[in-house]
Amino acid sequence: MALFEFDASSAPQTNTDFEPLPAGTYTATVTGCEVKQTKAGDGQYLRVEYTISGPSGAGRKVWSNYNVRNPNPKAEEIGRSALAELCRAVGKARLGDTDELVGCAVSIKVKVREAANGYEASNEVKGHRAIDGAAPPPVATSSTPAAPKKAAPPWAKK
């Protein structure tokens, strides 16, 4: 046993509301991102953690899973499409490391998934876009400049 003193009355009270956020559009920051194996072990998904900054629900967290490798082609297509939408919203054309998303601010559309199959109601991220009022950051697609077009030879008709 170790002596340990702690006075909870001196600590700030935190929001302990576990109800899902109301459906709507929120400003959020990606605060976590990791590649995980599917339960069956035959695929991978990217688990992204978002921390809400406004307009309400500041400090609340929502998560989204993006299938990147899945035996079901439709599930993989949906996951990759949603991940591409997130990447475009934060100006990333390519990812070499999941940490490249951490710290990126984005506007997310949140829906409420109704309680079902023994699970409580929860939030679901259904869309991404650049923060309102700001153009999405430029997406760099290549580090090498495009080759200049060749001029038409003098004998070519115009």
C-alpha atoms as a PDB file:
ATOM      1  CA  MET A   1       0.000   0.000   0.000  1.00  0.00           C
ATOM      2  CA  ALA A   2       1.227   3.500  -0.846  1.00  0.00           C
ATOM      3  CA  LEU A   3       0.135   6.677   0.869  1.00  0.00           C
ATOM      4  CA  PHE A   4      -1.586   8.923  -1.605  1.00  0.00           C
ATOM      5  CA  GLU A   5      -3.574  12.089  -0.978  1.00  0.00           C
ATOM      6  CA  PHE A   6      -6.024  13.559  -3.444  1.00  0.00           C
ATOM      7  CA  ASP A   7      -8.758  16.175  -3.060  1.00  0.00           C
ATOM      8  CA  ALA A   8     -11.346  15.873  -5.870  1.00  0.00           C
ATOM      9  CA  SER A   9     -12.980  19.146  -4.820  1.00  0.00           C
ATOM     10  CA  SER A  10      -9.954  21.075  -6.101  1.00  0.00           C
ATOM     11  CA  ALA A  11     -10.023  19.478  -9.567  1.00  0.00           C
ATOM     12  CA  PRO A  12     -12.091  21.097 -12.341  1.00  0.00           C
ATOM     13  CA  GLN A  13     -15.368  19.354 -13.077  1.00  0.00           C
ATOM     14  CA  THR A  14     -15.484  17.748 -16.490  1.00  0.00           C
ATOM     15  CA  ASN A  15     -18.361  17.069 -18.835  1.00  0.00           C
ATOM     16  CA  THR A  16     -19.564  13.543 -18.087  1.00  0.00           C
ATOM     17  CA  ASP A  17     -22.412  13.572 -20.611  1.00  0.00           C
ATOM     18  CA  PHE A  18     -22.198  10.320 -22.530  1.00  0.00           C
ATOM     19  CA  GLU A  19     -25.223  10.968 -24.723  1.00  0.00           C
ATOM     20  CA  PRO A  20     -24.401  11.288 -28.436  1.00  0.00           C
ATOM     21  CA  LEU A  21     -23.907  14.783 -29.800  1.00  0.00           C
ATOM     22  CA  PRO A  22     -26.925  16.086 -31.709  1.00  0.00           C
ATOM     23  CA  ALA A  23     -26.711  15.584 -35.463  1.00  0.00           C
ATOM     24  CA  GLY A  24     -25.060  18.554 -37.149  1.00  0.00           C
ATOM     25  CA  THR A  25     -21.854  20.035 -38.476  1.00  0.00           C
ATOM     26  CA  TYR A  26     -18.975  20.513 -36.052  1.00  0.00           C
ATOM     27  CA  THR A  27     -15.466  21.906 -36.189  1.00  0.00           C
ATOM     28  CA  ALA A  28     -13.032  19.265 -35.001  1.00  0.00           C
ATOM     29  CA  THR A  29      -9.364  18.401 -34.832  1.00  0.00           C
ATOM     30  CA  VAL A  30      -7.956  14.962 -35.574  1.00  0.00           C
ATOM     31  CA  THR A  31      -6.416  13.957 -32.238  1.00  0.00           C
ATOM     32  CA  GLY A  32      -5.657  10.311 -32.929  1.00  0.00           C
ATOM     33  CA  CYS A  33      -5.206   7.993 -35.865  1.00  0.00           C
ATOM     34  CA  GLU A  34      -4.155   4.360 -36.033  1.00  0.00           C
ATOM     35  CA  VAL A  35      -4.309   1.375 -38.366  1.00  0.00           C
ATOM     36  CA  LYS A  36      -6.168  -1.589 -36.864  1.00  0.00           C
ATOM     37  CA  GLN A  37      -6.975  -5.122 -37.969  1.00  0.00           C
ATOM     38  CA  THR A  38     -10.582  -6.094 -38.610  1.00  0.00           C
ATOM     39  CA  LYS A  39     -12.165  -8.452 -36.081  1.00  0.00           C
ATOM     40  CA  ALA A  40     -11.958 -11.304 -38.623  1.00  0.00           C
ATOM     41  CA  GLY A  41      -8.278 -10.509 -39.237  1.00  0.00           C
ATOM     42  CA  ASP A  42      -8.736 -10.309 -43.014  1.00  0.00           C
ATOM     43  CA  GLY A  43      -8.647  -6.551 -43.424  1.00  0.00           C
ATOM     44  CA  GLN A  44      -7.482  -3.225 -42.043  1.00  0.00           C
ATOM     45  CA  TYR A  45      -9.144   0.030 -41.144  1.00  0.00           C
ATOM     46  CA  LEU A  46      -7.995   3.452 -40.070  1.00  0.00           C
ATOM     47  CA  ARG A  47      -9.497   4.488 -36.713  1.00  0.00           C
ATOM     48  CA  VAL A  48      -9.631   8.295 -36.489  1.00  0.00           C
ATOM     49  CA  GLU A  49     -10.387  10.185 -33.279  1.00  0.00           C
ATOM     50  CA  TYR A  50     -11.858  13.687 -33.589  1.00  0.00           C
ATOM     51  CA  THR A  51     -12.050  16.216 -30.751  1.00  0.00           C
ATOM     52  CA  ILE A  52     -14.865  18.712 -31.189  1.00  0.00           C
ATOM     53  CA  SER A  53     -14.046  22.416 -30.823  1.00  0.00           C
ATOM     54  CA  GLY A  54     -17.390  23.969 -31.760  1.00  0.00           C
ATOM     55  CA  PRO A  55     -19.883  25.415 -32.248  1.00  0.00           C
ATOM     56  CA  SER A  56     -21.031  23.291 -29.286  1.00  0.00           C
ATOM     57  CA  GLY A  57     -19.789  20.128 -27.620  1.00  0.00           C
ATOM     58  CA  ALA A  58     -16.244  21.454 -27.186  1.00  0.00           C
ATOM     59  CA  GLY A  59     -13.946  18.754 -25.855  1.00  0.00           C
ATOM     60  CA  ARG A  60     -16.258  15.880 -26.810  1.00  0.00           C
ATOM     61  CA  LYS A  61     -14.810  13.095 -28.930  1.00  0.00           C
ATOM     62  CA  VAL A  62     -16.179  11.152 -31.881  1.00  0.00           C
ATOM     63  CA  TRP A  63     -14.529   8.328 -33.795  1.00  0.00           C
ATOM     64  CA  SER A  64     -14.749   7.032 -37.312  1.00  0.00           C
ATOM     65  CA  ASN A  65     -13.420   3.872 -38.940  1.00  0.00           C
ATOM     66  CA  TYR A  66     -12.333   3.896 -42.581  1.00  0.00           C
ATOM     67  CA  ASN A  67     -11.939   0.494 -44.255  1.00  0.00           C
ATOM     68  CA  VAL A  68      -8.755   0.548 -46.311  1.00  0.00           C
ATOM     69  CA  ARG A  69      -8.418  -3.196 -46.932  1.00  0.00           C
ATOM     70  CA  ASN A  70     -11.468  -5.425 -46.774  1.00  0.00           C
ATOM     71  CA  PRO A  71     -12.597  -8.635 -48.488  1.00  0.00           C
ATOM     72  CA  ASN A  72     -15.889  -6.867 -49.271  1.00  0.00           C
ATOM     73  CA  PRO A  73     -15.053  -4.562 -52.210  1.00  0.00           C
ATOM     74  CA  LYS A  74     -18.027  -2.262 -51.490  1.00  0.00           C
ATOM     75  CA  ALA A  75     -16.962  -1.770 -47.849  1.00  0.00           C
ATOM     76  CA  GLU A  76     -13.424  -0.974 -49.004  1.00  0.00           C
ATOM     77  CA  GLU A  77     -14.703   1.440 -51.669  1.00  0.00           C
ATOM     78  CA  ILE A  78     -16.872   3.295 -49.126  1.00  0.00           C
ATOM     79  CA  GLY A  79     -14.030   3.484 -46.592  1.00  0.00           C
ATOM     80  CA  ARG A  80     -11.446   4.674 -49.079  1.00  0.00           C
ATOM     81  CA  SER A  81     -13.853   7.259 -50.491  1.00  0.00           C
ATOM     82  CA  ALA A  82     -14.579   8.697 -47.027  1.00  0.00           C
ATOM     83  CA  LEU A  83     -10.867   8.724 -46.158  1.00  0.00           C
ATOM     84  CA  ALA A  84     -10.096  10.516 -49.446  1.00  0.00           C
ATOM     85  CA  GLU A  85     -12.754  13.104 -48.573  1.00  0.00           C
ATOM     86  CA  LEU A  86     -11.068  13.693 -45.192  1.00  0.00           C
ATOM     87  CA  CYS A  87      -7.646  13.977 -46.838  1.00  0.00           C
ATOM     88  CA  ARG A  88      -8.887  16.481 -49.423  1.00  0.00           C
ATOM     89  CA  ALA A  89     -10.568  18.548 -46.673  1.00  0.00           C
ATOM     90  CA  VAL A  90      -7.246  18.934 -44.858  1.00  0.00           C
ATOM     91  CA  GLY A  91      -5.104  19.315 -47.999  1.00  0.00           C
ATOM     92  CA  LYS A  92      -3.358  15.936 -47.989  1.00  0.00           C
ATOM     93  CA  ALA A  93      -3.129  14.179 -51.353  1.00  0.00           C
ATOM     94  CA  ARG A  94      -1.094  11.283 -49.978  1.00  0.00           C
ATOM     95  CA  LEU A  95      -0.456   9.825 -46.550  1.00  0.00           C
ATOM     96  CA  GLY A  96       2.813   8.129 -45.685  1.00  0.00           C
ATOM     97  CA  ASP A  97       2.086   7.984 -41.962  1.00  0.00           C
ATOM     98  CA  THR A  98      -1.126   8.174 -39.961  1.00  0.00           C
ATOM     99  CA  ASP A  99       0.430  10.927 -37.823  1.00  0.00           C
ATOM    100  CA  GLU A 100       0.157  13.278 -40.818  1.00  0.00           C
ATOM    101  CA  LEU A 101      -3.562  13.634 -40.038  1.00  0.00           C
ATOM    102  CA  VAL A 102      -3.093  14.328 -36.316  1.00  0.00           C
ATOM    103  CA  GLY A 103      -3.540  18.028 -35.565  1.00  0.00           C
ATOM    104  CA  CYS A 104      -5.502  18.740 -38.757  1.00  0.00           C
ATOM    105  CA  ALA A 105      -8.669  20.810 -38.324  1.00  0.00           C
ATOM    106  CA  VAL A 106     -11.738  19.852 -40.332  1.00  0.00           C
ATOM    107  CA  SER A 107     -15.475  20.395 -40.438  1.00  0.00           C
ATOM    108  CA  ILE A 108     -17.321  17.102 -39.906  1.00  0.00           C
ATOM    109  CA  LYS A 109     -20.943  16.164 -40.421  1.00  0.00           C
ATOM    110  CA  VAL A 110     -22.113  14.067 -37.485  1.00  0.00           C
ATOM    111  CA  LYS A 111     -25.203  11.865 -37.424  1.00  0.00           C
ATOM    112  CA  VAL A 112     -26.720   9.846 -34.600  1.00  0.00           C
ATOM    113  CA  ARG A 113     -26.766   6.080 -35.084  1.00  0.00           C
ATOM    114  CA  GLU A 114     -29.818   4.763 -33.236  1.00  0.00           C
ATOM    115  CA  ALA A 115     -29.412   2.115 -30.540  1.00  0.00           C
ATOM    116  CA  ALA A 116     -29.553  -1.403 -32.011  1.00  0.00           C
ATOM    117  CA  ASN A 117     -28.353  -4.963 -31.412  1.00  0.00           C
ATOM    118  CA  GLY A 118     -27.460  -4.306 -27.780  1.00  0.00           C
ATOM    119  CA  TYR A 119     -25.442  -1.173 -28.560  1.00  0.00           C
ATOM    120  CA  GLU A 120     -26.392   2.266 -27.283  1.00  0.00           C
ATOM    121  CA  ALA A 121     -26.987   5.187 -29.635  1.00  0.00           C
ATOM    122  CA  SER A 122     -23.720   6.681 -30.884  1.00  0.00           C
ATOM    123  CA  ASN A 123     -22.320   9.295 -33.224  1.00  0.00           C
ATOM    124  CA  GLU A 124     -21.197   8.588 -36.756  1.00  0.00           C
ATOM    125  CA  VAL A 125     -19.083  10.862 -38.981  1.00  0.00           C
ATOM    126  CA  LYS A 126     -20.826  11.076 -42.362  1.00  0.00           C
ATOM    127  CA  GLY A 127     -18.908  13.827 -44.151  1.00  0.00           C
ATOM    128  CA  HIS A 128     -15.831  16.063 -44.136  1.00  0.00           C
ATOM    129  CA  ARG A 129     -14.993  19.433 -45.592  1.00  0.00           C
ATOM    130  CA  ALA A 130     -12.552  22.273 -45.090  1.00  0.00           C
ATOM    131  CA  ILE A 131     -13.361  24.594 -42.181  1.00  0.00           C
ATOM    132  CA  ASP A 132     -16.199  27.015 -43.092  1.00  0.00           C
ATOM    133  CA  GLY A 133     -14.965  30.284 -44.533  1.00  0.00           C
ATOM    134  CA  ALA A 134     -11.613  28.832 -45.492  1.00  0.00           C
ATOM    135  CA  ALA A 135     -10.641  27.345 -48.792  1.00  0.00           C
ATOM    136  CA  PRO A 136      -9.236  23.857 -48.414  1.00  0.00           C
ATOM    137  CA  PRO A 137      -5.468  23.894 -48.276  1.00  0.00           C
ATOM    138  CA  PRO A 138      -3.871  23.241 -51.648  1.00  0.00           C
ATOM    139  CA  VAL A 139      -3.425  19.567 -52.387  1.00  0.00           C
ATOM    140  CA  ALA A 140       0.026  18.838 -53.749  1.00  0.00           C
ATOM    141  CA  THR A 141      -0.087  15.927 -56.151  1.00  0.00           C
ATOM    142  CA  SER A 142       3.472  15.878 -57.405  1.00  0.00           C
ATOM    143  CA  SER A 143       6.775  17.296 -56.302  1.00  0.00           C
ATOM    144  CA  THR A 144       8.060  17.602 -59.846  1.00  0.00           C
ATOM    145  CA  PRO A 145       6.785  20.364 -62.134  1.00  0.00           C
ATOM    146  CA  ALA A 146       4.932  19.357 -65.272  1.00  0.00           C
ATOM    147  CA  ALA A 147       6.983  19.348 -68.444  1.00  0.00           C
ATOM    148  CA  PRO A 148       6.255  22.346 -70.677  1.00  0.00           C
ATOM    149  CA  LYS A 149       4.131  21.631 -73.732  1.00  0.00           C
ATOM    150  CA  LYS A 150       6.107  21.346 -76.929  1.00  0.00           C
ATOM    151  CA  ALA A 151       5.511  24.110 -79.412  1.00  0.00           C
ATOM    152  CA  ALA A 152       3.878  23.048 -82.658  1.00  0.00           C
ATOM    153  CA  PRO A 153       6.325  22.824 -85.511  1.00  0.00           C
ATOM    154  CA  PRO A 154       6.249  25.805 -87.879  1.00  0.00           C
ATOM    155  CA  TRP A 155       4.660  23.762 -90.702  1.00  0.00           C
ATOM    156  CA  ALA A 156       1.664  22.625 -88.575  1.00  0.00           C
ATOM    157  CA  LYS A 157      -1.679  24.221 -89.469  1.00  0.00           C
ATOM    158  CA  LYS A 158      -3.322  26.422 -86.939  1.00  0.00           C
END
